[in-house]
Amino acid sequence: MNNRKEQERSELHKTIWKIANDLRGSVDGWDFKQYVLGLLFYRFISENLRNFINEGEHKAGNKKFDYAKLSDEEAQIGKEGIIEDKGFYILPSELFENVRKRAQKDKDLNITLKNIFNNIENSAKGTASENDVKGLFDDLDVNSNKLGNTVIERNEKLVKMINTIGDLGLGNYKDNAIDAFGDAYEYLMTMYASNAGKSGGEFFTPQEVGELLAKIALMDKKKVNKVYDPCCGSGSLLLKFAKILGKENVKQGFFGQEINLTTYNLCRINMFLHDINYSNFDIALGDTLTKPKHWDDEPFEAIVSNPPYSIHWAGKKDVTLMNDPRFSPAGILAPESKADLAFTMHMLSWLAPNGTAAIVEFPGVLYRGGAEQKIRKYLVENNFIDTVIQLPPDLFFGTTIATCIIVLKKNKTDNSTLFIDASKEFIRGDSKNKLTDENINNILNLIKSRKSIDYKSILISTEEIGKNDYNISVNAYLQQEIKEQKIDIKEHNEKVQKIVKRENKLRKELDKIIKELEGAYSE
């Protein structure tokens, strides 16, 4: 699987790099991602719809049926049923593969594409999927002067991109070993790091970390009711559940909220690309802390998140928040300059009694004083903190800091917290540290065993954490292993004797040279 995964990833990266070279000097920096991801999306939903319709016809005995070869008039017959099933509709002539065949000779390709994108969005108007499809192509501006100053120049660029993305061989998207869309997003971020940078404390979650979070939330469960991420980004963490369990085993769907409009669009696109039906996901736009959108859907059995680190939020400036049932139990709000524990309290509030939340946190959250200490006191004394995991440094794009994971549960069977030091569980990748399958399994096994193991894990009682000012840093309880270097005394002495012997020889030679110089000088 790993070889296949790396092969698919390499293929994807080569394609993106080729498009970047084709667009060099035209579409610079971060704007470039809109074209790659938008056209990837267009290709994949075209193929997804075509395959869906073809499979239905083939099962009905019409083995030679091919939706892509129908006339638009013939295709209209089943339009309403297709929209009801898939949430959108694309005419045969407007499928990616057919547009690609005509692209080179289409002098109005930019207009053609714009009309197609409008048609796809309009196909959902007035239906149950309208909000899931609305605005999905808003960031893909095929008439932008960033593509070229003239229509001819723009269309030349569009033809190159369409052909390159069309040549990308990843087979059936949902069967791929990698999360192609999430991987494209990650690769684009690393390509244009100087442009993307750190935006609002957001750091893209590497896929291996996402897998670890999902597996912690699931442990040995084979199915789950609802999964939730309050800061869902492009949806990669939510989709790990589909990859691990199979989307049919997330019974009631995928729920998330995202504050950034572009990323919110990416998340919805990603759901469609993973063949998650519009009726089985609910991704909302807005500020989770002040305007949460899923009151009617909570609680959630599995919650995973990598919230933005130490961002500002309304806090005590908004007097209503102190009475908000998500935050009021702690008796204090997270600082206005550090919303980290506000996200944590939100997730705890919406966690089902039999559920698990796995949250990436920045280290300061574990030990800082003031309001954060008081919130930790509430979490510890009510026995909500199940596990704290110290991760390796340099895992996340945008920061080299060693982050950690807090695992929350509402129905623990003991009155202690497990601390795990996973800081050595990594291999070095090309530019960042990376978790392997073995590293992930090592961490999961420590969580399952839930016992103290020298230098790796330790169980600490609630009472002891209280005596330590509610500090929940792993290094406050778990001793670091110091590997002593063994010295061979005999070998060491032999080396010293050789050095001394050589020094004596050099000293004698130096004395001889000095005497000769003195003799020459006296003459």
Protein backbone atom coordinates (compact mmCIF):
# COMPACT_ATOMS: atom_id res chain seq x y z
CA MET A 1 0.00 0.00 0.00
CA ASN A 2 2.81 2.41 0.89
CA ASN A 3 4.47 1.99 -2.53
CA ARG A 4 1.15 2.58 -4.26
CA LYS A 5 0.52 5.59 -2.05
CA GLU A 6 3.90 7.15 -2.86
CA GLN A 7 3.44 6.42 -6.56
CA GLU A 8 0.06 8.18 -6.66
CA ARG A 9 1.40 11.07 -4.60
CA SER A 10 4.40 11.45 -6.91
CA GLU A 11 2.10 11.42 -9.95
CA LEU A 12 -0.06 14.14 -8.43
CA HIS A 13 2.92 16.32 -7.50
CA LYS A 14 4.42 16.02 -11.00
CA THR A 15 1.10 17.16 -12.48
CA ILE A 16 0.83 20.16 -10.17
CA TRP A 17 4.46 21.08 -10.85
CA LYS A 18 3.87 20.87 -14.61
CA ILE A 19 0.86 23.19 -14.35
CA ALA A 20 2.94 25.56 -12.23
CA ASN A 21 5.58 25.68 -14.96
CA ASP A 22 2.94 26.20 -17.66
CA LEU A 23 1.57 29.17 -15.72
CA ARG A 24 4.92 30.65 -14.68
CA GLY A 25 4.96 34.42 -15.10
CA SER A 26 1.19 34.50 -15.36
CA VAL A 27 -0.55 33.10 -12.30
CA ASP A 28 1.86 33.60 -9.44
CA GLY A 29 1.67 32.40 -5.90
CA TRP A 30 -1.33 31.43 -3.92
CA ASP A 31 -3.96 32.28 -6.58
CA PHE A 32 -2.65 29.31 -8.57
CA LYS A 33 -4.31 26.81 -6.23
CA GLN A 34 -7.78 27.90 -7.29
CA TYR A 35 -7.17 26.73 -10.85
CA VAL A 36 -5.59 23.40 -9.95
CA LEU A 37 -8.15 22.46 -7.33
CA GLY A 38 -11.11 23.85 -9.29
CA LEU A 39 -10.27 21.96 -12.48
CA LEU A 40 -9.43 18.80 -10.52
CA PHE A 41 -12.90 19.09 -8.98
CA TYR A 42 -14.56 19.64 -12.37
CA ARG A 43 -12.83 16.58 -13.82
CA PHE A 44 -13.69 14.34 -10.88
CA ILE A 45 -17.38 15.26 -10.53
CA SER A 46 -17.74 14.75 -14.29
CA GLU A 47 -16.27 11.27 -14.03
CA ASN A 48 -18.19 10.53 -10.84
CA LEU A 49 -21.53 11.43 -12.46
CA ARG A 50 -20.73 9.57 -15.68
CA ASN A 51 -19.70 6.43 -13.76
CA PHE A 52 -22.80 6.62 -11.54
CA ILE A 53 -25.16 6.79 -14.53
CA ASN A 54 -23.24 4.14 -16.51
CA GLU A 55 -23.21 1.68 -13.60
CA GLY A 56 -26.99 2.00 -13.24
CA GLU A 57 -27.56 1.32 -16.94
CA HIS A 58 -25.06 -1.56 -17.05
CA LYS A 59 -26.77 -3.24 -14.06
CA ALA A 60 -30.08 -2.87 -15.92
CA GLY A 61 -28.61 -4.87 -18.82
CA ASN A 62 -27.62 -2.00 -21.13
CA LYS A 63 -23.94 -3.03 -21.23
CA LYS A 64 -22.87 -0.71 -24.06
CA PHE A 65 -24.40 2.43 -22.55
CA ASP A 66 -22.05 5.43 -22.19
CA TYR A 67 -23.51 8.65 -20.81
CA ALA A 68 -20.66 10.70 -22.29
CA LYS A 69 -21.79 9.73 -25.81
CA LEU A 70 -25.45 10.73 -25.41
CA SER A 71 -26.85 13.90 -26.92
CA ASP A 72 -27.89 16.56 -24.43
CA GLU A 73 -31.52 16.04 -25.52
CA GLU A 74 -31.39 12.29 -24.81
CA ALA A 75 -29.79 12.89 -21.43
CA GLN A 76 -32.54 15.21 -20.18
CA ILE A 77 -34.91 12.26 -19.57
CA GLY A 78 -33.36 11.19 -16.25
CA LYS A 79 -32.20 14.61 -15.08
CA GLU A 80 -34.48 15.03 -12.04
CA GLY A 81 -33.70 11.58 -10.66
CA ILE A 82 -29.96 12.16 -11.05
CA ILE A 83 -30.13 15.48 -9.19
CA GLU A 84 -32.10 13.81 -6.42
CA ASP A 85 -29.42 11.11 -6.11
CA LYS A 86 -26.21 13.10 -6.70
CA GLY A 87 -27.24 16.66 -5.85
CA PHE A 88 -26.11 18.14 -9.19
CA TYR A 89 -26.32 17.52 -12.93
CA ILE A 90 -23.93 17.84 -15.88
CA LEU A 91 -25.02 17.52 -19.51
CA PRO A 92 -22.98 15.03 -21.62
CA SER A 93 -21.58 17.86 -23.77
CA GLU A 94 -20.43 19.65 -20.60
CA LEU A 95 -18.53 16.71 -19.07
CA PHE A 96 -14.82 17.38 -18.58
CA GLU A 97 -13.77 14.71 -21.10
CA ASN A 98 -15.97 16.15 -23.86
CA VAL A 99 -14.95 19.75 -23.17
CA ARG A 100 -11.32 18.63 -23.26
CA LYS A 101 -11.78 17.09 -26.73
CA ARG A 102 -13.05 20.43 -28.07
CA ALA A 103 -10.85 22.74 -25.97
CA GLN A 104 -8.03 23.30 -28.47
CA LYS A 105 -10.45 24.53 -31.14
CA ASP A 106 -12.83 26.40 -28.83
CA LYS A 107 -12.07 30.11 -29.28
CA ASP A 108 -14.51 30.90 -26.49
CA LEU A 109 -13.25 28.26 -24.04
CA ASN A 110 -13.31 30.70 -21.12
CA ILE A 111 -16.98 31.49 -21.77
CA THR A 112 -17.77 27.79 -22.30
CA LEU A 113 -16.28 26.91 -18.91
CA LYS A 114 -17.97 29.80 -17.12
CA ASN A 115 -21.36 28.74 -18.52
CA ILE A 116 -20.77 25.10 -17.56
CA PHE A 117 -19.88 26.03 -13.98
CA ASN A 118 -23.01 28.19 -13.76
CA ASN A 119 -25.11 25.34 -15.17
CA ILE A 120 -23.79 22.84 -12.62
CA GLU A 121 -24.58 25.22 -9.76
CA ASN A 122 -28.01 26.14 -11.19
CA SER A 123 -28.91 22.45 -11.57
CA ALA A 124 -29.24 22.27 -7.77
CA LYS A 125 -31.35 25.41 -7.36
CA GLY A 126 -34.65 24.76 -5.62
CA THR A 127 -33.53 21.25 -4.56
CA ALA A 128 -32.36 19.77 -1.27
CA SER A 129 -28.73 20.07 -2.36
CA GLU A 130 -28.83 23.78 -3.26
CA ASN A 131 -26.79 24.97 -0.26
CA ASP A 132 -24.24 22.18 -0.72
CA VAL A 133 -23.55 23.09 -4.35
CA LYS A 134 -23.95 26.88 -4.25
CA GLY A 135 -20.73 28.82 -4.89
CA LEU A 136 -18.46 25.80 -5.41
CA PHE A 137 -16.87 27.37 -8.51
CA ASP A 138 -16.73 30.95 -7.19
CA ASP A 139 -12.95 30.89 -6.76
CA LEU A 140 -12.29 29.58 -10.27
CA ASP A 141 -12.20 32.78 -12.36
CA VAL A 142 -11.61 31.67 -15.96
CA ASN A 143 -11.79 35.30 -17.17
CA SER A 144 -9.13 36.65 -14.82
CA ASN A 145 -6.33 38.73 -16.35
CA LYS A 146 -4.03 36.65 -14.14
CA LEU A 147 -4.39 33.97 -16.81
CA GLY A 148 -3.40 36.41 -19.56
CA ASN A 149 -4.08 39.89 -20.89
CA THR A 150 -6.08 38.65 -23.88
CA VAL A 151 -8.75 35.98 -24.36
CA ILE A 152 -6.36 34.02 -26.60
CA GLU A 153 -3.67 33.97 -23.89
CA ARG A 154 -6.18 32.93 -21.22
CA ASN A 155 -7.55 30.12 -23.34
CA GLU A 156 -4.06 28.83 -24.13
CA LYS A 157 -3.40 28.54 -20.40
CA LEU A 158 -6.77 26.86 -19.80
CA VAL A 159 -6.12 24.29 -22.55
CA LYS A 160 -2.74 23.43 -21.00
CA MET A 161 -4.26 23.02 -17.54
CA ILE A 162 -7.19 20.93 -18.80
CA ASN A 163 -4.88 18.60 -20.71
CA THR A 164 -2.45 18.20 -17.84
CA ILE A 165 -5.20 17.46 -15.31
CA GLY A 166 -6.87 15.17 -17.85
CA ASP A 167 -3.64 13.19 -18.21
CA LEU A 168 -3.39 12.64 -14.44
CA GLY A 169 -3.81 8.88 -13.99
CA LEU A 170 -5.36 8.15 -10.61
CA GLY A 171 -8.01 5.65 -11.69
CA ASN A 172 -11.25 5.66 -9.75
CA TYR A 173 -10.88 8.55 -7.32
CA LYS A 174 -12.62 6.95 -4.33
CA ASP A 175 -10.32 3.89 -4.55
CA ASN A 176 -7.10 5.89 -4.42
CA ALA A 177 -4.61 5.11 -1.65
CA ILE A 178 -4.04 8.83 -1.02
CA ASP A 179 -6.41 11.67 -0.32
CA ALA A 180 -5.59 13.25 -3.69
CA PHE A 181 -7.46 16.47 -3.09
CA GLY A 182 -6.08 16.99 0.43
CA ASP A 183 -2.64 16.04 -0.81
CA ALA A 184 -2.88 18.55 -3.66
CA TYR A 185 -3.85 21.22 -1.14
CA GLU A 186 -0.92 20.34 1.13
CA TYR A 187 1.54 20.28 -1.77
CA LEU A 188 0.30 23.63 -3.04
CA MET A 189 0.79 25.10 0.42
CA THR A 190 4.39 23.93 0.55
CA MET A 191 5.05 25.16 -3.01
CA TYR A 192 3.84 28.64 -2.21
CA ALA A 193 4.81 28.87 1.44
CA SER A 194 5.92 32.47 1.15
CA ASN A 195 2.54 33.48 -0.23
CA ALA A 196 0.35 31.25 1.89
CA GLY A 197 2.34 31.65 5.08
CA LYS A 198 0.56 31.44 8.38
CA SER A 199 -2.96 32.73 8.00
CA GLY A 200 -4.91 33.37 11.17
CA GLY A 201 -2.95 30.74 13.09
CA GLU A 202 -4.03 28.05 10.62
CA PHE A 203 -1.65 25.19 9.87
CA PHE A 204 -2.56 22.45 7.47
CA THR A 205 -2.84 19.08 9.24
CA PRO A 206 -0.58 16.45 7.64
CA GLN A 207 -2.54 13.40 6.55
CA GLU A 208 -0.65 11.08 8.92
CA VAL A 209 -1.56 13.28 11.92
CA GLY A 210 -5.17 13.28 10.69
CA GLU A 211 -5.12 9.49 10.60
CA LEU A 212 -3.79 9.36 14.16
CA LEU A 213 -6.54 11.72 15.39
CA ALA A 214 -9.29 9.70 13.71
CA LYS A 215 -7.96 6.40 15.05
CA ILE A 216 -7.77 7.83 18.57
CA ALA A 217 -11.39 8.99 18.31
CA LEU A 218 -12.45 5.59 17.01
CA MET A 219 -10.08 3.15 18.69
CA ASP A 220 -11.65 -0.26 17.94
CA LYS A 221 -15.05 0.97 16.74
CA LYS A 222 -16.15 -0.37 13.36
CA LYS A 223 -18.88 2.21 12.90
CA VAL A 224 -19.83 5.59 14.30
CA ASN A 225 -22.96 7.74 14.17
CA LYS A 226 -21.71 11.26 13.47
CA VAL A 227 -18.27 12.83 13.14
CA TYR A 228 -17.55 16.52 13.69
CA ASP A 229 -14.77 19.06 13.23
CA PRO A 230 -15.53 22.65 14.37
CA CYS A 231 -12.58 24.04 12.36
CA CYS A 232 -12.80 21.67 9.41
CA GLY A 233 -10.62 23.47 6.84
CA SER A 234 -10.64 21.47 3.60
CA GLY A 235 -12.27 18.53 5.40
CA SER A 236 -9.26 16.21 5.47
CA LEU A 237 -9.74 15.21 9.12
CA LEU A 238 -13.41 14.36 8.64
CA LEU A 239 -12.64 12.31 5.56
CA LYS A 240 -10.17 10.16 7.47
CA PHE A 241 -13.21 8.47 9.03
CA ALA A 242 -14.50 7.56 5.57
CA LYS A 243 -11.07 6.17 4.66
CA ILE A 244 -10.69 4.15 7.88
CA LEU A 245 -14.27 2.89 8.33
CA GLY A 246 -15.81 3.23 4.88
CA LYS A 247 -18.24 6.11 4.37
CA GLU A 248 -21.23 3.79 4.82
CA ASN A 249 -20.12 3.17 8.43
CA VAL A 250 -20.43 6.85 9.36
CA LYS A 251 -24.14 6.33 9.78
CA GLN A 252 -25.55 9.84 10.20
CA GLY A 253 -22.92 11.83 8.38
CA PHE A 254 -20.02 14.27 8.41
CA PHE A 255 -20.42 17.64 10.14
CA GLY A 256 -18.08 20.62 10.16
CA GLN A 257 -17.81 24.39 10.29
CA GLU A 258 -15.24 26.66 8.67
CA ILE A 259 -14.80 30.44 8.94
CA ASN A 260 -12.80 30.98 5.71
CA LEU A 261 -14.99 31.15 2.59
CA THR A 262 -12.44 29.67 0.16
CA THR A 263 -11.58 26.80 2.50
CA TYR A 264 -15.28 26.21 3.19
CA ASN A 265 -15.78 25.78 -0.57
CA LEU A 266 -12.80 23.41 -0.70
CA CYS A 267 -14.31 21.29 2.06
CA ARG A 268 -17.63 20.87 0.27
CA ILE A 269 -15.77 20.08 -2.95
CA ASN A 270 -13.73 17.48 -1.07
CA MET A 271 -16.90 15.80 0.20
CA PHE A 272 -18.23 15.44 -3.33
CA LEU A 273 -14.86 14.18 -4.55
CA HIS A 274 -14.96 11.42 -1.94
CA ASP A 275 -18.41 10.43 -3.16
CA ILE A 276 -20.03 11.58 0.09
CA ASN A 277 -23.62 12.27 -0.92
CA TYR A 278 -24.90 15.81 -0.26
CA SER A 279 -27.49 14.33 2.13
CA ASN A 280 -24.73 12.82 4.26
CA PHE A 281 -22.66 15.92 5.01
CA ASP A 282 -23.40 19.28 6.56
CA ILE A 283 -20.54 21.78 6.23
CA ALA A 284 -21.39 25.26 7.52
CA LEU A 285 -19.76 28.67 7.04
CA GLY A 286 -19.12 30.92 10.03
CA ASP A 287 -17.38 31.49 13.36
CA THR A 288 -17.81 28.33 15.44
CA LEU A 289 -17.15 30.09 18.76
CA THR A 290 -19.69 32.90 18.43
CA LYS A 291 -22.09 31.53 15.78
CA PRO A 292 -22.07 27.73 15.91
CA LYS A 293 -24.29 26.18 13.23
CA HIS A 294 -24.92 22.66 14.49
CA TRP A 295 -26.92 23.07 17.71
CA ASP A 296 -29.58 20.76 16.29
CA ASP A 297 -27.07 18.04 15.37
CA GLU A 298 -24.99 17.71 18.53
CA PRO A 299 -23.86 15.65 20.39
CA PHE A 300 -21.20 13.91 18.28
CA GLU A 301 -19.69 10.51 18.93
CA ALA A 302 -16.32 11.34 17.35
CA ILE A 303 -14.74 14.80 17.26
CA VAL A 304 -11.35 15.63 15.74
CA SER A 305 -9.84 19.04 15.20
CA ASN A 306 -6.73 21.10 14.68
CA PRO A 307 -8.06 24.53 15.74
CA PRO A 308 -6.18 27.73 14.86
CA TYR A 309 -3.54 28.41 17.49
CA SER A 310 -3.89 31.30 19.91
CA ILE A 311 -6.18 33.44 17.76
CA HIS A 312 -8.18 36.35 19.14
CA TRP A 313 -11.86 35.89 19.87
CA ALA A 314 -14.69 37.93 21.45
CA GLY A 315 -14.25 36.41 24.93
CA LYS A 316 -15.60 38.56 27.76
CA LYS A 317 -16.27 41.46 25.36
CA ASP A 318 -19.37 39.51 24.34
CA VAL A 319 -21.41 39.34 27.56
CA THR A 320 -23.67 36.59 26.18
CA LEU A 321 -20.79 34.11 25.99
CA MET A 322 -20.48 33.84 29.78
CA ASN A 323 -23.97 32.33 29.84
CA ASP A 324 -23.35 30.13 26.80
CA PRO A 325 -23.83 26.48 27.90
CA ARG A 326 -20.63 25.53 26.08
CA PHE A 327 -18.41 27.86 28.16
CA SER A 328 -20.29 28.62 31.38
CA PRO A 329 -19.51 25.33 33.21
CA ALA A 330 -15.84 26.39 33.63
CA GLY A 331 -16.92 29.65 35.29
CA ILE A 332 -14.52 31.67 33.14
CA LEU A 333 -13.89 32.38 29.45
CA ALA A 334 -10.66 31.72 27.57
CA PRO A 335 -8.52 34.88 27.20
CA GLU A 336 -9.45 37.18 24.33
CA SER A 337 -5.95 36.78 22.87
CA LYS A 338 -5.95 32.97 23.14
CA ALA A 339 -9.08 31.13 21.97
CA ASP A 340 -7.51 27.65 22.21
CA LEU A 341 -9.42 26.47 25.27
CA ALA A 342 -12.65 28.07 24.01
CA PHE A 343 -12.50 25.57 21.13
CA THR A 344 -11.72 22.81 23.63
CA MET A 345 -14.74 23.71 25.79
CA HIS A 346 -16.96 23.90 22.70
CA MET A 347 -15.93 20.38 21.65
CA LEU A 348 -16.36 18.99 25.14
CA SER A 349 -19.88 20.46 25.29
CA TRP A 350 -20.88 18.83 22.00
CA LEU A 351 -19.23 15.47 22.74
CA ALA A 352 -21.58 12.51 23.21
CA PRO A 353 -21.43 10.67 26.56
CA ASN A 354 -19.90 7.63 24.82
CA GLY A 355 -17.72 9.72 22.52
CA THR A 356 -14.07 10.73 22.17
CA ALA A 357 -12.55 14.06 21.08
CA ALA A 358 -8.94 14.25 19.84
CA ILE A 359 -7.68 17.83 19.59
CA VAL A 360 -4.32 19.23 18.46
CA GLU A 361 -3.12 21.93 20.89
CA PHE A 362 -0.15 24.26 21.12
CA PRO A 363 2.06 23.56 24.18
CA GLY A 364 1.26 26.80 26.07
CA VAL A 365 -2.34 25.65 26.55
CA LEU A 366 -1.06 22.89 28.86
CA TYR A 367 0.70 25.07 31.43
CA ARG A 368 -0.15 28.79 31.11
CA GLY A 369 -1.70 30.49 34.16
CA GLY A 370 -4.68 32.81 34.55
CA ALA A 371 -7.99 31.94 32.92
CA GLU A 372 -6.46 28.99 31.09
CA GLN A 373 -5.32 27.43 34.36
CA LYS A 374 -8.86 27.77 35.75
CA ILE A 375 -10.32 26.09 32.66
CA ARG A 376 -7.80 23.24 33.00
CA LYS A 377 -8.80 22.91 36.65
CA TYR A 378 -12.42 22.44 35.55
CA LEU A 379 -11.39 19.84 32.94
CA VAL A 380 -9.14 17.92 35.34
CA GLU A 381 -11.43 17.96 38.40
CA ASN A 382 -14.37 16.76 36.32
CA ASN A 383 -12.19 13.96 34.91
CA PHE A 384 -12.66 14.92 31.26
CA ILE A 385 -9.00 14.70 30.19
CA ASP A 386 -8.30 11.11 29.19
CA THR A 387 -4.86 11.41 27.57
CA VAL A 388 -2.24 14.03 26.71
CA ILE A 389 0.22 13.12 23.92
CA GLN A 390 3.44 15.01 23.22
CA LEU A 391 4.03 14.93 19.45
CA PRO A 392 7.40 15.30 17.67
CA PRO A 393 8.56 18.77 16.56
CA ASP A 394 8.37 19.99 12.96
CA LEU A 395 5.36 17.91 11.87
CA PHE A 396 3.17 20.78 10.68
CA PHE A 397 3.68 23.06 7.71
CA GLY A 398 4.08 26.64 8.92
CA THR A 399 5.65 25.83 12.28
CA THR A 400 8.46 23.71 13.73
CA ILE A 401 6.97 23.75 17.25
CA ALA A 402 6.22 20.40 18.90
CA THR A 403 2.45 20.30 19.32
CA CYS A 404 0.40 17.90 21.43
CA ILE A 405 -2.93 16.09 21.40
CA ILE A 406 -5.53 16.30 24.18
CA VAL A 407 -8.02 13.43 24.28
CA LEU A 408 -11.36 14.18 25.99
CA LYS A 409 -13.94 11.71 27.29
CA LYS A 410 -17.03 12.14 29.45
CA ASN A 411 -17.32 8.62 30.87
CA LYS A 412 -13.82 7.54 31.94
CA THR A 413 -13.39 4.33 33.92
CA ASP A 414 -10.55 5.68 36.09
CA ASN A 415 -9.73 8.93 37.86
CA SER A 416 -6.35 9.56 36.20
CA THR A 417 -4.86 11.03 33.06
CA LEU A 418 -2.45 9.16 30.78
CA PHE A 419 0.59 11.14 29.61
CA ILE A 420 2.43 9.86 26.54
CA ASP A 421 5.79 11.03 25.18
CA ALA A 422 5.67 10.41 21.42
CA SER A 423 8.32 13.05 20.66
CA LYS A 424 10.66 10.41 19.19
CA GLU A 425 7.96 8.73 17.09
CA PHE A 426 8.84 10.05 13.63
CA ILE A 427 11.06 9.73 10.59
CA ARG A 428 12.57 12.67 8.72
CA GLY A 429 10.87 13.41 5.41
CA ASP A 430 12.09 15.70 2.65
CA SER A 431 11.45 18.89 4.60
CA LYS A 432 9.39 17.95 7.66
CA ASN A 433 9.17 15.18 10.22
CA LYS A 434 6.58 12.54 9.45
CA LEU A 435 4.62 9.85 11.31
CA THR A 436 4.88 6.35 9.85
CA ASP A 437 2.26 3.59 10.26
CA GLU A 438 4.56 2.08 12.89
CA ASN A 439 4.74 5.39 14.80
CA ILE A 440 0.95 5.69 14.75
CA ASN A 441 0.48 2.11 15.96
CA ASN A 442 3.02 2.64 18.75
CA ILE A 443 1.04 5.62 20.05
CA LEU A 444 -2.30 3.81 19.76
CA ASN A 445 -0.92 0.80 21.64
CA LEU A 446 0.21 3.04 24.51
CA ILE A 447 -3.29 4.54 24.71
CA LYS A 448 -4.91 1.08 24.70
CA SER A 449 -2.59 -0.38 27.34
CA ARG A 450 -3.14 2.68 29.58
CA LYS A 451 -0.28 1.97 31.99
CA SER A 452 3.02 3.50 33.03
CA ILE A 453 5.98 2.47 30.86
CA ASP A 454 9.43 3.96 31.53
CA TYR A 455 10.10 7.05 29.39
CA LYS A 456 6.98 6.41 27.24
CA SER A 457 3.81 6.78 29.31
CA ILE A 458 2.65 7.46 32.84
CA LEU A 459 -0.72 7.50 34.63
CA ILE A 460 -1.18 10.48 36.95
CA SER A 461 -4.09 10.92 39.37
CA THR A 462 -6.38 13.93 39.31
CA GLU A 463 -5.20 14.79 42.83
CA GLU A 464 -1.53 14.86 41.79
CA ILE A 465 -2.27 17.07 38.75
CA GLY A 466 -4.08 19.47 41.10
CA LYS A 467 -1.03 19.64 43.37
CA ASN A 468 1.01 20.59 40.30
CA ASP A 469 -1.18 23.67 39.58
CA TYR A 470 -3.16 21.76 36.93
CA ASN A 471 -0.14 21.65 34.64
CA ILE A 472 -0.87 18.97 32.03
CA SER A 473 2.42 19.09 30.09
CA VAL A 474 3.81 15.63 29.41
CA ASN A 475 7.31 16.64 30.52
CA ALA A 476 5.94 17.72 33.91
CA TYR A 477 5.33 14.06 34.76
CA LEU A 478 7.28 11.84 32.39
CA GLN A 479 11.05 11.61 32.69
CA GLN A 480 13.03 11.94 29.47
CA GLU A 481 15.28 9.01 28.61
CA ILE A 482 18.95 10.02 28.71
CA LYS A 483 21.02 7.52 26.81
CA GLU A 484 24.46 7.18 28.39
CA GLN A 485 27.29 6.62 25.99
CA LYS A 486 29.25 3.50 26.91
CA ILE A 487 33.02 4.03 26.89
CA ASP A 488 35.50 1.21 26.32
CA ILE A 489 38.24 2.15 28.86
CA LYS A 490 40.89 -0.04 27.27
CA GLU A 491 40.22 1.36 23.79
CA HIS A 492 40.11 4.90 25.22
CA ASN A 493 43.51 4.45 26.98
CA GLU A 494 45.08 3.08 23.80
CA LYS A 495 43.89 6.14 21.88
CA VAL A 496 45.26 8.46 24.59
CA GLN A 497 48.65 6.69 24.53
CA LYS A 498 48.82 7.03 20.74
CA ILE A 499 48.03 10.74 21.01
CA VAL A 500 50.66 11.24 23.75
CA LYS A 501 53.24 9.30 21.71
CA ARG A 502 52.50 11.41 18.63
CA GLU A 503 52.67 14.64 20.66
CA ASN A 504 56.09 13.62 22.07
CA LYS A 505 57.34 12.88 18.59
CA LEU A 506 56.10 16.25 17.30
CA ARG A 507 57.62 18.03 20.30
CA LYS A 508 61.05 16.44 19.62
CA GLU A 509 60.86 17.39 15.94
CA LEU A 510 59.87 20.92 16.89
CA ASP A 511 62.77 21.19 19.40
CA LYS A 512 65.16 19.99 16.69
CA ILE A 513 63.92 22.64 14.24
CA ILE A 514 64.24 25.37 16.89
CA LYS A 515 67.87 24.34 17.67
CA GLU A 516 68.75 24.38 14.00
CA LEU A 517 67.24 27.85 13.64
CA GLU A 518 69.11 29.09 16.73
CA GLY A 519 72.42 27.66 15.36
CA ALA A 520 71.88 29.35 12.03
CA TYR A 521 71.07 32.63 13.76
CA SER A 522 74.24 32.53 16.01
CA GLU A 523 76.50 32.00 12.97
